[in-house]
Amino acid sequence: PVKYVQPAKPKSYKPRQVYVPPTERFPSETVHNTSYQPIDAETRRNCRPIGGPPKDNLTMCGPFDHNTTHRMSYEPLPCVEPAQRYYPREHDLKGRGPMQDMTTYRHDFTPKPIQPVQPYKYVDTIGLPDKCHPMSGDTTYRLSFTPIDYSCIDKPHSYRPSQQWVPPSQPFPRETTYNTSYMPVEPLTKPIPKCKPCWVRPSVPMETRTTYTE
C-alpha cells in the first residue's frame, strides 16, 4: 500500500528581530507636568480672587424713557369712542320645550307597509348518522384502490452489474498539474549590478543674479 509522507518544512530566510533594551532611561516629563507646575496650597489660597456682587459697567445719564417706537408711531386717536356691542334679545341656548326626536334620515326614509320576502331554503336530505345506522368507513379511494398483498408476488430480478473494488497494481503518480506546470527556478549566483551614473562637480560657478535682485 502507498503511504503518504509529510514533506519537510522549508527553511525560513526571514531576518530575526532581537529586542535590545535602551541604554538611557525613558523621560518621565509629560506635556501636562511641564505645562502645569505644582503650586503650594498657601500660595494658591492667597492668590484666589475675592468674590463680590457684579458691578454695572454702563452708567445712565438720566431716567429711563418709557416711550417706545410702537407708542410713538401709533398714537391714540382723539375723541373716538369705542363701538358698543349689540346682543340679540332672544338668545337662549337651552331652547324651549323638549328636544325633537325627528331627524333628517327619519324624515326622508319613512317605514313602508311591506312584508319581507320569505327565503326559500333547501331541506337537508343528508342527515347525521345515529347509533342504529353508523357511518360506513369505505371511501371512493379505498374501494377503487385495494391494497396488494406483496407476499404472493416474487421480487423482480435485478440485472445491474455487480461492482467490486480491485486494488491497483501500480503506485499512484505524485506529479500534479501544478508541479508539472511551474518548475522550480534556480536563483542566480550573483546579481547583475545597476549602472548608476556618478556625480560630476560642475566647473562653471552658479550665477548669483536673480529676477528679484534685477
N, C-alpha and C. Protein backbone atom coordinates (compact mmCIF):
# COMPACT_ATOMS: atom_id res chain seq x y z
N PRO A 1 0.82 -1.21 0.00
CA PRO A 1 0.00 0.00 0.00
C PRO A 1 0.86 1.26 0.00
N VAL A 2 0.33 2.30 -0.64
CA VAL A 2 1.04 3.58 -0.74
C VAL A 2 0.77 4.38 0.52
N LYS A 3 1.83 4.91 1.14
CA LYS A 3 1.72 5.69 2.37
C LYS A 3 2.16 7.13 2.09
N TYR A 4 1.37 8.05 2.59
CA TYR A 4 1.68 9.48 2.37
C TYR A 4 2.74 9.92 3.37
N VAL A 5 3.76 10.61 2.86
CA VAL A 5 4.86 11.10 3.69
C VAL A 5 4.79 12.62 3.70
N GLN A 6 4.73 13.21 4.87
CA GLN A 6 4.66 14.66 5.00
C GLN A 6 6.01 15.28 4.65
N PRO A 7 6.07 16.23 3.69
CA PRO A 7 7.36 16.83 3.32
C PRO A 7 7.89 17.70 4.45
N ALA A 8 9.20 17.89 4.45
CA ALA A 8 9.84 18.70 5.50
C ALA A 8 9.49 20.17 5.33
N LYS A 9 9.43 20.89 6.44
CA LYS A 9 9.08 22.31 6.43
C LYS A 9 10.24 23.12 5.84
N PRO A 10 9.98 23.98 4.86
CA PRO A 10 11.09 24.73 4.23
C PRO A 10 11.73 25.69 5.23
N LYS A 11 13.02 25.93 5.05
CA LYS A 11 13.77 26.81 5.94
C LYS A 11 13.40 28.26 5.68
N SER A 12 13.20 29.03 6.73
CA SER A 12 12.80 30.42 6.62
C SER A 12 14.03 31.32 6.57
N TYR A 13 14.03 32.24 5.60
CA TYR A 13 15.12 33.20 5.45
C TYR A 13 14.74 34.58 5.99
N LYS A 14 13.72 34.65 6.81
CA LYS A 14 13.30 35.93 7.38
C LYS A 14 14.30 36.36 8.46
N PRO A 15 14.73 37.63 8.44
CA PRO A 15 15.69 38.07 9.47
C PRO A 15 15.06 38.06 10.85
N ARG A 16 15.83 37.65 11.83
CA ARG A 16 15.35 37.59 13.20
C ARG A 16 15.39 38.98 13.84
N GLN A 17 14.38 39.27 14.64
CA GLN A 17 14.29 40.54 15.35
C GLN A 17 14.54 40.28 16.84
N VAL A 18 15.62 40.83 17.33
CA VAL A 18 16.02 40.65 18.73
C VAL A 18 15.79 41.96 19.47
N TYR A 19 15.16 41.90 20.60
CA TYR A 19 14.89 43.10 21.39
C TYR A 19 16.17 43.54 22.10
N VAL A 20 16.51 44.82 21.90
CA VAL A 20 17.69 45.40 22.55
C VAL A 20 17.20 46.43 23.55
N PRO A 21 17.42 46.27 24.84
CA PRO A 21 16.96 47.25 25.82
C PRO A 21 17.68 48.57 25.65
N PRO A 22 16.99 49.72 25.87
CA PRO A 22 17.63 51.03 25.70
C PRO A 22 18.67 51.26 26.79
N THR A 23 19.71 52.02 26.41
CA THR A 23 20.78 52.35 27.36
C THR A 23 20.40 53.52 28.25
N GLU A 24 19.60 54.48 27.73
CA GLU A 24 19.20 55.65 28.51
C GLU A 24 17.81 55.43 29.08
N ARG A 25 17.54 56.07 30.18
CA ARG A 25 16.25 55.94 30.85
C ARG A 25 15.19 56.78 30.14
N PHE A 26 13.97 56.25 30.08
CA PHE A 26 12.89 56.96 29.40
C PHE A 26 12.48 58.19 30.22
N PRO A 27 12.35 59.38 29.59
CA PRO A 27 12.00 60.59 30.37
C PRO A 27 10.58 60.49 30.92
N SER A 28 10.42 60.93 32.16
CA SER A 28 9.11 60.89 32.83
C SER A 28 8.35 62.20 32.72
N GLU A 29 8.96 63.24 32.12
CA GLU A 29 8.26 64.52 32.00
C GLU A 29 7.24 64.44 30.86
N THR A 30 6.01 64.79 31.15
CA THR A 30 4.95 64.82 30.15
C THR A 30 4.58 66.26 29.83
N VAL A 31 3.73 66.44 28.83
CA VAL A 31 3.30 67.79 28.45
C VAL A 31 2.50 68.44 29.58
N HIS A 32 1.71 67.65 30.28
CA HIS A 32 0.89 68.20 31.36
C HIS A 32 1.77 68.62 32.54
N ASN A 33 2.77 67.80 32.88
CA ASN A 33 3.62 68.13 34.03
C ASN A 33 4.50 69.35 33.75
N THR A 34 4.98 69.46 32.49
CA THR A 34 5.82 70.61 32.17
C THR A 34 5.02 71.89 31.98
N SER A 35 3.73 71.79 31.59
CA SER A 35 2.91 72.98 31.39
C SER A 35 2.30 73.47 32.69
N TYR A 36 1.85 72.56 33.55
CA TYR A 36 1.19 72.94 34.80
C TYR A 36 2.09 72.52 35.97
N GLN A 37 2.88 73.48 36.46
CA GLN A 37 3.77 73.22 37.58
C GLN A 37 2.97 73.20 38.88
N PRO A 38 3.36 72.38 39.85
CA PRO A 38 2.62 72.35 41.12
C PRO A 38 2.82 73.64 41.92
N ILE A 39 1.73 74.12 42.54
CA ILE A 39 1.73 75.36 43.33
C ILE A 39 1.42 75.01 44.77
N ASP A 40 2.05 75.72 45.70
CA ASP A 40 1.82 75.49 47.11
C ASP A 40 0.38 75.84 47.47
N ALA A 41 -0.19 75.12 48.46
CA ALA A 41 -1.58 75.36 48.86
C ALA A 41 -1.75 76.74 49.46
N GLU A 42 -0.77 77.21 50.25
CA GLU A 42 -0.87 78.54 50.86
C GLU A 42 -0.81 79.63 49.81
N THR A 43 0.08 79.46 48.84
CA THR A 43 0.17 80.45 47.75
C THR A 43 -1.10 80.45 46.91
N ARG A 44 -1.66 79.29 46.67
CA ARG A 44 -2.90 79.22 45.90
C ARG A 44 -4.05 79.88 46.65
N ARG A 45 -4.08 79.72 47.98
CA ARG A 45 -5.14 80.33 48.78
C ARG A 45 -5.02 81.86 48.79
N ASN A 46 -3.81 82.38 48.79
CA ASN A 46 -3.61 83.83 48.80
C ASN A 46 -3.88 84.45 47.44
N CYS A 47 -3.68 83.70 46.38
CA CYS A 47 -3.90 84.23 45.03
C CYS A 47 -5.34 84.10 44.57
N ARG A 48 -6.21 83.57 45.40
CA ARG A 48 -7.61 83.41 44.99
C ARG A 48 -8.29 84.78 44.95
N PRO A 49 -9.06 85.11 43.89
CA PRO A 49 -9.71 86.42 43.82
C PRO A 49 -10.84 86.52 44.84
N ILE A 50 -11.07 87.73 45.31
CA ILE A 50 -12.12 88.00 46.29
C ILE A 50 -13.44 88.16 45.56
N GLY A 51 -14.46 87.40 45.98
CA GLY A 51 -15.76 87.47 45.33
C GLY A 51 -16.58 88.65 45.82
N GLY A 52 -17.52 89.05 45.01
CA GLY A 52 -18.38 90.17 45.36
C GLY A 52 -19.47 90.33 44.35
N PRO A 53 -20.42 91.21 44.60
CA PRO A 53 -21.51 91.42 43.63
C PRO A 53 -20.98 92.03 42.34
N PRO A 54 -21.59 91.73 41.21
CA PRO A 54 -21.12 92.31 39.95
C PRO A 54 -21.41 93.80 39.89
N LYS A 55 -20.53 94.50 39.23
CA LYS A 55 -20.68 95.94 39.07
C LYS A 55 -21.12 96.24 37.65
N ASP A 56 -22.02 97.24 37.52
CA ASP A 56 -22.51 97.64 36.21
C ASP A 56 -21.49 98.54 35.54
N ASN A 57 -21.12 98.17 34.33
CA ASN A 57 -20.17 98.99 33.58
C ASN A 57 -20.85 100.12 32.84
N LEU A 58 -22.16 99.99 32.56
CA LEU A 58 -22.90 101.02 31.85
C LEU A 58 -23.56 101.95 32.85
N THR A 59 -23.35 103.23 32.70
CA THR A 59 -23.96 104.25 33.59
C THR A 59 -25.00 105.01 32.79
N MET A 60 -26.15 105.30 33.42
CA MET A 60 -27.25 106.02 32.77
C MET A 60 -27.12 107.51 33.05
N CYS A 61 -27.40 108.32 32.02
CA CYS A 61 -27.32 109.77 32.16
C CYS A 61 -28.56 110.36 32.81
N GLY A 62 -29.69 109.69 32.73
CA GLY A 62 -30.93 110.20 33.27
C GLY A 62 -31.94 109.10 33.45
N PRO A 63 -33.20 109.44 33.77
CA PRO A 63 -34.22 108.41 33.94
C PRO A 63 -34.55 107.74 32.61
N PHE A 64 -34.97 106.47 32.71
CA PHE A 64 -35.28 105.68 31.52
C PHE A 64 -36.60 106.15 30.93
N ASP A 65 -36.64 106.39 29.60
CA ASP A 65 -37.84 106.86 28.92
C ASP A 65 -38.72 105.67 28.59
N HIS A 66 -40.02 105.77 28.90
CA HIS A 66 -40.94 104.66 28.67
C HIS A 66 -41.52 104.67 27.27
N ASN A 67 -41.24 105.70 26.48
CA ASN A 67 -41.76 105.75 25.11
C ASN A 67 -41.01 104.76 24.22
N THR A 68 -41.78 103.98 23.45
CA THR A 68 -41.21 103.01 22.52
C THR A 68 -41.52 103.43 21.10
N THR A 69 -40.95 102.72 20.16
CA THR A 69 -41.19 103.04 18.75
C THR A 69 -42.64 102.81 18.38
N HIS A 70 -43.27 101.78 18.96
CA HIS A 70 -44.67 101.49 18.66
C HIS A 70 -45.58 102.58 19.22
N ARG A 71 -45.31 103.04 20.44
CA ARG A 71 -46.14 104.09 21.05
C ARG A 71 -45.99 105.42 20.33
N MET A 72 -44.78 105.72 19.88
CA MET A 72 -44.58 106.99 19.19
C MET A 72 -45.11 106.95 17.77
N SER A 73 -45.18 105.77 17.14
CA SER A 73 -45.68 105.68 15.77
C SER A 73 -47.20 105.60 15.73
N TYR A 74 -47.80 104.82 16.66
CA TYR A 74 -49.26 104.64 16.67
C TYR A 74 -49.82 105.30 17.94
N GLU A 75 -50.17 106.58 17.82
CA GLU A 75 -50.74 107.30 18.95
C GLU A 75 -52.25 107.10 18.97
N PRO A 76 -52.87 107.18 20.15
CA PRO A 76 -54.33 107.01 20.22
C PRO A 76 -55.06 108.15 19.53
N LEU A 77 -56.16 107.81 18.83
CA LEU A 77 -56.96 108.81 18.12
C LEU A 77 -57.77 109.63 19.11
N PRO A 78 -57.80 110.94 18.97
CA PRO A 78 -58.57 111.77 19.92
C PRO A 78 -60.07 111.74 19.61
N CYS A 79 -60.88 111.85 20.67
CA CYS A 79 -62.35 111.97 20.56
C CYS A 79 -62.97 110.81 19.79
N VAL A 80 -62.56 109.61 20.05
CA VAL A 80 -63.13 108.43 19.40
C VAL A 80 -63.60 107.49 20.50
N GLU A 81 -64.89 107.20 20.50
CA GLU A 81 -65.47 106.30 21.49
C GLU A 81 -65.53 104.88 20.93
N PRO A 82 -65.28 103.89 21.74
CA PRO A 82 -65.36 102.51 21.24
C PRO A 82 -66.80 102.12 20.92
N ALA A 83 -66.97 101.33 19.89
CA ALA A 83 -68.30 100.90 19.47
C ALA A 83 -68.89 99.94 20.49
N GLN A 84 -70.19 100.07 20.72
CA GLN A 84 -70.88 99.21 21.67
C GLN A 84 -71.36 97.94 20.97
N ARG A 85 -71.43 96.85 21.74
CA ARG A 85 -71.90 95.58 21.21
C ARG A 85 -73.41 95.49 21.38
N TYR A 86 -74.02 94.88 20.36
CA TYR A 86 -75.46 94.67 20.39
C TYR A 86 -75.71 93.16 20.39
N TYR A 87 -76.29 92.65 21.48
CA TYR A 87 -76.59 91.24 21.62
C TYR A 87 -78.06 90.99 21.27
N PRO A 88 -78.41 89.89 20.61
CA PRO A 88 -79.83 89.59 20.33
C PRO A 88 -80.59 89.34 21.62
N ARG A 89 -81.85 89.73 21.61
CA ARG A 89 -82.66 89.61 22.83
C ARG A 89 -83.00 88.14 23.11
N GLU A 90 -83.47 87.43 22.07
CA GLU A 90 -83.84 86.03 22.27
C GLU A 90 -82.62 85.15 21.97
N HIS A 91 -81.77 85.06 22.92
CA HIS A 91 -80.54 84.28 22.77
C HIS A 91 -80.50 83.23 23.87
N ASP A 92 -81.35 82.19 23.68
CA ASP A 92 -81.47 81.13 24.68
C ASP A 92 -80.87 79.85 24.09
N LEU A 93 -79.75 79.41 24.65
CA LEU A 93 -79.10 78.20 24.13
C LEU A 93 -79.79 76.93 24.58
N LYS A 94 -80.55 76.98 25.67
CA LYS A 94 -81.20 75.78 26.18
C LYS A 94 -82.41 75.39 25.35
N GLY A 95 -83.02 76.32 24.66
CA GLY A 95 -84.19 76.02 23.87
C GLY A 95 -85.47 76.08 24.70
N ARG A 96 -86.57 75.90 24.02
CA ARG A 96 -87.88 75.95 24.65
C ARG A 96 -88.59 74.62 24.40
N GLY A 97 -88.99 73.97 25.47
CA GLY A 97 -89.70 72.72 25.34
C GLY A 97 -88.75 71.54 25.15
N PRO A 98 -89.33 70.33 25.00
CA PRO A 98 -88.49 69.14 24.82
C PRO A 98 -87.83 69.11 23.44
N MET A 99 -86.74 68.38 23.34
CA MET A 99 -85.99 68.28 22.09
C MET A 99 -86.71 67.33 21.13
N GLN A 100 -86.82 67.69 19.86
CA GLN A 100 -87.49 66.86 18.87
C GLN A 100 -86.61 65.65 18.52
N ASP A 101 -87.27 64.50 18.40
CA ASP A 101 -86.56 63.28 18.02
C ASP A 101 -86.59 63.02 16.52
N MET A 102 -87.20 63.90 15.74
CA MET A 102 -87.25 63.74 14.29
C MET A 102 -85.92 64.18 13.69
N THR A 103 -85.31 63.27 12.91
CA THR A 103 -84.05 63.56 12.23
C THR A 103 -84.28 63.63 10.74
N THR A 104 -83.25 64.04 10.02
CA THR A 104 -83.35 64.13 8.57
C THR A 104 -83.50 62.76 7.93
N TYR A 105 -82.82 61.75 8.49
CA TYR A 105 -82.91 60.40 7.95
C TYR A 105 -84.31 59.83 8.16
N ARG A 106 -84.89 60.03 9.35
CA ARG A 106 -86.24 59.53 9.61
C ARG A 106 -87.28 60.27 8.79
N HIS A 107 -87.02 61.53 8.52
CA HIS A 107 -87.99 62.29 7.73
C HIS A 107 -87.98 61.86 6.27
N ASP A 108 -86.78 61.52 5.74
CA ASP A 108 -86.68 61.14 4.32
C ASP A 108 -87.05 59.68 4.09
N PHE A 109 -86.66 58.78 5.00
CA PHE A 109 -86.91 57.36 4.82
C PHE A 109 -87.92 56.91 5.88
N THR A 110 -89.18 56.97 5.50
CA THR A 110 -90.26 56.55 6.40
C THR A 110 -90.50 55.05 6.24
N PRO A 111 -90.98 54.35 7.26
CA PRO A 111 -91.25 52.91 7.14
C PRO A 111 -92.38 52.64 6.15
N LYS A 112 -92.22 51.58 5.34
CA LYS A 112 -93.20 51.20 4.32
C LYS A 112 -93.96 49.96 4.80
N PRO A 113 -95.25 49.89 4.56
CA PRO A 113 -96.06 48.71 4.98
C PRO A 113 -95.90 47.55 4.00
N ILE A 114 -94.72 46.95 3.95
CA ILE A 114 -94.44 45.85 3.03
C ILE A 114 -93.92 44.68 3.85
N GLN A 115 -94.43 43.48 3.56
CA GLN A 115 -93.96 42.29 4.25
C GLN A 115 -92.68 41.79 3.59
N PRO A 116 -91.69 41.39 4.38
CA PRO A 116 -90.44 40.90 3.79
C PRO A 116 -90.64 39.55 3.11
N VAL A 117 -89.85 39.31 2.08
CA VAL A 117 -89.95 38.08 1.31
C VAL A 117 -89.30 36.95 2.11
N GLN A 118 -90.03 35.82 2.21
CA GLN A 118 -89.51 34.67 2.93
C GLN A 118 -88.50 33.94 2.05
N PRO A 119 -87.32 33.64 2.56
CA PRO A 119 -86.32 32.93 1.74
C PRO A 119 -86.69 31.46 1.59
N TYR A 120 -86.37 30.92 0.43
CA TYR A 120 -86.60 29.52 0.13
C TYR A 120 -85.30 28.75 0.38
N LYS A 121 -85.29 27.98 1.42
CA LYS A 121 -84.11 27.22 1.81
C LYS A 121 -84.35 25.75 1.54
N TYR A 122 -83.36 25.09 0.92
CA TYR A 122 -83.50 23.67 0.63
C TYR A 122 -83.40 22.87 1.92
N VAL A 123 -84.20 21.82 1.96
CA VAL A 123 -84.20 20.95 3.13
C VAL A 123 -83.02 20.00 3.02
N ASP A 124 -82.29 19.83 4.12
CA ASP A 124 -81.15 18.93 4.12
C ASP A 124 -81.64 17.49 4.05
N THR A 125 -81.24 16.79 2.96
CA THR A 125 -81.63 15.38 2.79
C THR A 125 -80.65 14.44 3.47
N ILE A 126 -79.40 14.90 3.67
CA ILE A 126 -78.39 14.06 4.31
C ILE A 126 -78.43 14.34 5.80
N GLY A 127 -78.85 13.36 6.56
CA GLY A 127 -78.91 13.53 8.00
C GLY A 127 -77.71 12.93 8.69
N LEU A 128 -77.56 13.26 9.95
CA LEU A 128 -76.44 12.73 10.72
C LEU A 128 -76.71 11.28 11.08
N PRO A 129 -75.66 10.44 11.12
CA PRO A 129 -75.88 9.02 11.47
C PRO A 129 -76.23 8.87 12.95
N ASP A 130 -77.01 7.85 13.21
CA ASP A 130 -77.39 7.56 14.59
C ASP A 130 -76.74 6.26 15.03
N LYS A 131 -77.08 5.80 16.22
CA LYS A 131 -76.49 4.58 16.74
C LYS A 131 -76.93 3.35 15.96
N CYS A 132 -78.18 3.37 15.46
CA CYS A 132 -78.68 2.20 14.71
C CYS A 132 -78.07 2.11 13.32
N HIS A 133 -77.75 3.25 12.73
CA HIS A 133 -77.20 3.26 11.37
C HIS A 133 -75.86 4.02 11.41
N PRO A 134 -74.79 3.34 11.80
CA PRO A 134 -73.49 4.02 11.85
C PRO A 134 -72.96 4.32 10.45
N MET A 135 -72.06 5.24 10.39
CA MET A 135 -71.49 5.67 9.11
C MET A 135 -70.46 4.66 8.63
N SER A 136 -70.48 4.36 7.34
CA SER A 136 -69.55 3.38 6.77
C SER A 136 -68.16 4.00 6.63
N GLY A 137 -67.14 3.18 6.82
CA GLY A 137 -65.76 3.66 6.72
C GLY A 137 -65.18 3.53 5.33
N ASP A 138 -65.95 3.02 4.35
CA ASP A 138 -65.44 2.87 2.99
C ASP A 138 -65.54 4.19 2.25
N THR A 139 -64.47 4.51 1.51
CA THR A 139 -64.45 5.71 0.68
C THR A 139 -64.26 5.31 -0.77
N THR A 140 -64.38 6.28 -1.66
CA THR A 140 -64.20 6.02 -3.08
C THR A 140 -62.78 5.59 -3.38
N TYR A 141 -61.81 6.16 -2.67
CA TYR A 141 -60.41 5.81 -2.90
C TYR A 141 -60.12 4.39 -2.44
N ARG A 142 -60.67 4.01 -1.27
CA ARG A 142 -60.43 2.67 -0.75
C ARG A 142 -61.10 1.60 -1.61
N LEU A 143 -62.30 1.93 -2.13
CA LEU A 143 -62.99 0.96 -2.97
C LEU A 143 -62.34 0.83 -4.34
N SER A 144 -61.71 1.92 -4.85
CA SER A 144 -61.10 1.87 -6.18
C SER A 144 -59.71 1.26 -6.13
N PHE A 145 -58.93 1.60 -5.08
CA PHE A 145 -57.55 1.12 -4.98
C PHE A 145 -57.44 0.22 -3.76
N THR A 146 -57.58 -1.07 -4.03
CA THR A 146 -57.49 -2.05 -2.95
C THR A 146 -56.02 -2.36 -2.65
N PRO A 147 -55.67 -2.67 -1.42
CA PRO A 147 -54.26 -2.98 -1.11
C PRO A 147 -53.82 -4.28 -1.76
N ILE A 148 -52.55 -4.35 -2.12
CA ILE A 148 -51.97 -5.50 -2.82
C ILE A 148 -51.14 -6.30 -1.82
N ASP A 149 -51.29 -7.60 -1.84
CA ASP A 149 -50.53 -8.50 -0.98
C ASP A 149 -49.21 -8.85 -1.68
N TYR A 150 -48.10 -8.23 -1.21
CA TYR A 150 -46.80 -8.45 -1.86
C TYR A 150 -46.16 -9.78 -1.47
N SER A 151 -46.74 -10.48 -0.50
CA SER A 151 -46.15 -11.77 -0.12
C SER A 151 -46.35 -12.83 -1.20
N CYS A 152 -47.38 -12.68 -1.98
CA CYS A 152 -47.64 -13.65 -3.06
C CYS A 152 -46.90 -13.32 -4.34
N ILE A 153 -46.23 -12.16 -4.40
CA ILE A 153 -45.54 -11.73 -5.63
C ILE A 153 -44.04 -11.87 -5.40
N ASP A 154 -43.37 -12.49 -6.35
CA ASP A 154 -41.92 -12.65 -6.27
C ASP A 154 -41.22 -11.32 -6.60
N LYS A 155 -40.08 -11.10 -5.95
CA LYS A 155 -39.30 -9.89 -6.18
C LYS A 155 -38.65 -9.94 -7.55
N PRO A 156 -38.72 -8.87 -8.35
CA PRO A 156 -38.13 -8.92 -9.70
C PRO A 156 -36.61 -9.03 -9.62
N HIS A 157 -36.06 -9.76 -10.58
CA HIS A 157 -34.63 -9.98 -10.62
C HIS A 157 -33.92 -8.72 -11.14
N SER A 158 -32.81 -8.33 -10.49
CA SER A 158 -32.05 -7.14 -10.88
C SER A 158 -30.94 -7.53 -11.83
N TYR A 159 -30.86 -6.85 -12.96
CA TYR A 159 -29.84 -7.09 -13.97
C TYR A 159 -28.69 -6.08 -13.87
N ARG A 160 -28.57 -5.40 -12.77
CA ARG A 160 -27.49 -4.42 -12.60
C ARG A 160 -26.17 -5.15 -12.36
N PRO A 161 -25.11 -4.76 -13.06
CA PRO A 161 -23.82 -5.46 -12.87
C PRO A 161 -23.26 -5.18 -11.48
N SER A 162 -22.68 -6.19 -10.90
CA SER A 162 -22.10 -6.05 -9.56
C SER A 162 -20.74 -5.35 -9.66
N GLN A 163 -20.47 -4.42 -8.77
CA GLN A 163 -19.23 -3.65 -8.76
C GLN A 163 -18.41 -4.07 -7.55
N GLN A 164 -17.14 -4.40 -7.80
CA GLN A 164 -16.23 -4.84 -6.76
C GLN A 164 -14.92 -4.09 -6.90
N TRP A 165 -14.40 -3.58 -5.78
CA TRP A 165 -13.16 -2.78 -5.82
C TRP A 165 -11.96 -3.69 -5.95
N VAL A 166 -11.09 -3.33 -6.91
CA VAL A 166 -9.87 -4.09 -7.17
C VAL A 166 -8.69 -3.18 -6.85
N PRO A 167 -7.79 -3.55 -5.95
CA PRO A 167 -6.65 -2.67 -5.63
C PRO A 167 -5.75 -2.49 -6.84
N PRO A 168 -5.16 -1.28 -7.03
CA PRO A 168 -4.30 -1.04 -8.20
C PRO A 168 -2.99 -1.79 -8.07
N SER A 169 -2.44 -2.15 -9.21
CA SER A 169 -1.17 -2.88 -9.23
C SER A 169 0.03 -1.94 -9.23
N GLN A 170 -0.12 -0.67 -9.67
CA GLN A 170 0.96 0.29 -9.71
C GLN A 170 0.69 1.42 -8.72
N PRO A 171 1.74 2.06 -8.20
CA PRO A 171 1.53 3.16 -7.25
C PRO A 171 0.94 4.39 -7.94
N PHE A 172 0.33 5.21 -7.15
CA PHE A 172 -0.32 6.43 -7.68
C PHE A 172 0.75 7.47 -8.02
N PRO A 173 0.69 8.10 -9.20
CA PRO A 173 1.73 9.10 -9.56
C PRO A 173 1.61 10.34 -8.67
N ARG A 174 2.78 10.88 -8.28
CA ARG A 174 2.82 12.06 -7.43
C ARG A 174 2.87 13.37 -8.22
N GLU A 175 3.06 13.28 -9.53
CA GLU A 175 3.12 14.51 -10.33
C GLU A 175 1.72 15.09 -10.48
N THR A 176 1.59 16.37 -10.11
CA THR A 176 0.31 17.08 -10.25
C THR A 176 0.42 18.12 -11.36
N THR A 177 -0.69 18.74 -11.69
CA THR A 177 -0.69 19.77 -12.74
C THR A 177 0.15 20.97 -12.33
N TYR A 178 0.11 21.32 -11.04
CA TYR A 178 0.88 22.47 -10.56
C TYR A 178 2.38 22.19 -10.62
N ASN A 179 2.79 20.96 -10.22
CA ASN A 179 4.21 20.64 -10.22
C ASN A 179 4.78 20.54 -11.63
N THR A 180 3.97 20.04 -12.56
CA THR A 180 4.46 19.91 -13.93
C THR A 180 4.41 21.23 -14.69
N SER A 181 3.54 22.17 -14.28
CA SER A 181 3.42 23.45 -14.99
C SER A 181 4.43 24.47 -14.48
N TYR A 182 4.66 24.52 -13.16
CA TYR A 182 5.56 25.51 -12.56
C TYR A 182 6.79 24.77 -12.02
N MET A 183 7.82 24.75 -12.83
CA MET A 183 9.06 24.09 -12.44
C MET A 183 9.88 25.02 -11.56
N PRO A 184 10.67 24.50 -10.63
CA PRO A 184 11.49 25.37 -9.78
C PRO A 184 12.58 26.07 -10.58
N VAL A 185 12.83 27.33 -10.25
CA VAL A 185 13.81 28.16 -10.94
C VAL A 185 15.03 28.29 -10.05
N GLU A 186 16.20 28.05 -10.61
CA GLU A 186 17.44 28.16 -9.86
C GLU A 186 17.82 29.64 -9.72
N PRO A 187 18.09 30.14 -8.50
CA PRO A 187 18.47 31.55 -8.34
C PRO A 187 19.85 31.83 -8.90
N LEU A 188 20.08 33.09 -9.30
CA LEU A 188 21.37 33.50 -9.84
C LEU A 188 22.41 33.54 -8.72
N THR A 189 23.62 33.17 -9.08
CA THR A 189 24.70 33.17 -8.07
C THR A 189 25.09 34.58 -7.68
N LYS A 190 25.08 35.53 -8.62
CA LYS A 190 25.49 36.90 -8.34
C LYS A 190 24.55 37.85 -9.06
N PRO A 191 23.95 38.83 -8.36
CA PRO A 191 23.05 39.74 -9.06
C PRO A 191 23.79 40.66 -10.01
N ILE A 192 23.08 41.10 -11.02
CA ILE A 192 23.67 42.00 -12.02
C ILE A 192 23.75 43.40 -11.41
N PRO A 193 24.90 44.06 -11.42
CA PRO A 193 25.00 45.40 -10.83
C PRO A 193 24.25 46.43 -11.67
N LYS A 194 23.71 47.46 -11.00
CA LYS A 194 22.98 48.52 -11.68
C LYS A 194 23.95 49.59 -12.16
N CYS A 195 23.66 50.13 -13.32
CA CYS A 195 24.50 51.17 -13.90
C CYS A 195 24.02 52.53 -13.40
N LYS A 196 24.61 53.04 -12.33
CA LYS A 196 24.23 54.32 -11.75
C LYS A 196 25.30 55.36 -12.08
N PRO A 197 24.94 56.47 -12.73
CA PRO A 197 25.96 57.47 -13.09
C PRO A 197 26.53 58.15 -11.86
N CYS A 198 27.80 58.51 -11.92
CA CYS A 198 28.48 59.19 -10.82
C CYS A 198 28.28 60.69 -10.93
N TRP A 199 28.30 61.37 -9.79
CA TRP A 199 28.11 62.82 -9.76
C TRP A 199 29.42 63.50 -10.13
N VAL A 200 29.31 64.47 -11.04
CA VAL A 200 30.49 65.20 -11.52
C VAL A 200 30.36 66.64 -11.04
N ARG A 201 31.38 67.17 -10.43
CA ARG A 201 31.37 68.53 -9.91
C ARG A 201 31.38 69.52 -11.08
N PRO A 202 30.49 70.54 -11.07
CA PRO A 202 30.48 71.50 -12.18
C PRO A 202 31.73 72.37 -12.15
N SER A 203 32.20 72.72 -13.34
CA SER A 203 33.40 73.56 -13.47
C SER A 203 33.06 75.04 -13.51
N VAL A 204 31.84 75.42 -13.93
CA VAL A 204 31.44 76.82 -14.02
C VAL A 204 30.66 77.17 -12.77
N PRO A 205 30.96 78.29 -12.08
CA PRO A 205 30.19 78.66 -10.88
C PRO A 205 28.77 79.09 -11.24
N MET A 206 27.85 78.92 -10.28
CA MET A 206 26.44 79.26 -10.49
C MET A 206 26.24 80.77 -10.42
N GLU A 207 25.38 81.31 -11.27
CA GLU A 207 25.14 82.75 -11.32
C GLU A 207 24.33 83.17 -10.10
N THR A 208 24.76 84.27 -9.46
CA THR A 208 24.11 84.76 -8.24
C THR A 208 23.00 85.75 -8.50
N ARG A 209 22.87 86.26 -9.71
CA ARG A 209 21.81 87.23 -10.01
C ARG A 209 20.47 86.51 -10.21
N THR A 210 19.41 87.08 -9.61
CA THR A 210 18.06 86.53 -9.72
C THR A 210 17.12 87.58 -10.27
N THR A 211 15.89 87.19 -10.53
CA THR A 211 14.89 88.14 -11.03
C THR A 211 14.56 89.18 -9.97
N TYR A 212 14.60 88.80 -8.71
CA TYR A 212 14.27 89.75 -7.63
C TYR A 212 15.34 90.83 -7.50
N THR A 213 16.64 90.45 -7.61
CA THR A 213 17.71 91.45 -7.48
C THR A 213 17.79 92.35 -8.69
N GLU A 214 17.44 91.84 -9.85
CA GLU A 214 17.47 92.66 -11.04
C GLU A 214 16.31 93.65 -11.04
